[in-house]
Amino acid sequence: MKVEELKSKVFIFLGPFGTGKTELSMNFSIVRKRMGGEVALADIDIISPYFRIRDFVGILEEEGIKVILPPLHLL
């Protein structure tokens, strides 16, 4: 299925540690944003934030993506 064929407004990427969820969600968000419309990406992993969206906020915001992060004191 092509990204442009997906009709849902909310996408959740789940899986075990180290399976590429963060990378997939960031790239998916960039593609959706470039297709037009509003895109927000939430990083809600406060248990084991090994590969964090927080490290790529600048790139995502340059693309026009709203990034939602947990407060630092929860990490």
Protein backbone atom coordinates (compact mmCIF):
# COMPACT_ATOMS: atom_id res chain seq x y z
CA MET A 1 0.00 0.00 0.00
CA LYS A 2 1.25 3.49 -0.83
CA VAL A 3 1.43 6.22 1.81
CA GLU A 4 -0.95 8.43 -0.16
CA GLU A 5 -3.58 5.67 -0.07
CA LEU A 6 -3.68 5.56 3.74
CA LYS A 7 -6.80 7.33 4.99
CA SER A 8 -6.31 7.18 8.76
CA LYS A 9 -5.38 10.34 10.65
CA VAL A 10 -3.57 8.54 13.47
CA PHE A 11 -0.77 6.02 13.00
CA ILE A 12 0.84 4.11 15.86
CA PHE A 13 4.10 2.23 15.41
CA LEU A 14 4.57 -0.57 17.97
CA GLY A 15 7.22 -3.20 18.39
CA PRO A 16 10.12 -4.40 20.50
CA PHE A 17 13.29 -2.44 21.23
CA GLY A 18 15.53 -1.81 18.22
CA THR A 19 13.08 -2.64 15.44
CA GLY A 20 13.16 0.77 13.73
CA LYS A 21 9.92 2.29 15.01
CA THR A 22 11.45 5.73 15.56
CA GLU A 23 13.18 5.85 12.18
CA LEU A 24 10.03 4.61 10.44
CA SER A 25 7.80 7.10 12.23
CA MET A 26 10.10 10.04 11.42
CA ASN A 27 10.36 9.15 7.74
CA PHE A 28 6.64 8.42 7.52
CA SER A 29 5.90 11.83 9.07
CA ILE A 30 8.17 13.63 6.61
CA VAL A 31 6.51 11.90 3.64
CA ARG A 32 3.01 12.72 4.95
CA LYS A 33 3.96 16.36 5.55
CA ARG A 34 5.41 16.73 2.06
CA MET A 35 2.10 15.41 0.72
CA GLY A 36 0.38 18.37 2.41
CA GLY A 37 -1.58 18.91 5.57
CA GLU A 38 -0.76 19.03 9.25
CA VAL A 39 1.51 16.43 10.84
CA ALA A 40 2.41 15.95 14.50
CA LEU A 41 4.78 13.30 15.80
CA ALA A 42 4.68 12.23 19.45
CA ASP A 43 7.54 10.42 21.15
CA ILE A 44 5.92 8.69 24.10
CA ASP A 45 8.65 6.20 25.04
CA ILE A 46 9.60 7.09 28.60
CA ILE A 47 10.65 3.56 29.59
CA SER A 48 13.67 3.01 27.33
CA PRO A 49 14.28 6.07 25.14
CA TYR A 50 17.40 4.74 23.41
CA PHE A 51 16.85 6.21 19.95
CA ARG A 52 14.89 9.37 20.56
CA ILE A 53 12.97 11.73 18.34
CA ARG A 54 14.26 14.48 20.66
CA ASP A 55 17.65 14.14 18.90
CA PHE A 56 16.07 15.04 15.54
CA VAL A 57 13.63 17.81 16.51
CA GLY A 58 15.43 20.40 14.35
CA ILE A 59 15.15 18.32 11.18
CA LEU A 60 11.49 17.50 11.81
CA GLU A 61 10.55 21.10 12.62
CA GLU A 62 12.32 22.30 9.46
CA GLU A 63 9.94 20.00 7.59
CA GLY A 64 7.02 21.68 9.37
CA ILE A 65 6.24 18.75 11.66
CA LYS A 66 5.00 19.50 15.18
CA VAL A 67 7.03 17.38 17.61
CA ILE A 68 5.51 16.34 20.95
CA LEU A 69 7.99 15.14 23.57
CA PRO A 70 7.74 13.90 27.15
CA PRO A 71 9.11 16.28 29.78
CA LEU A 72 12.79 15.67 30.50
CA HIS A 73 12.14 14.89 34.17
CA LEU A 74 10.20 11.79 33.12
CA LEU A 75 13.13 10.32 31.19
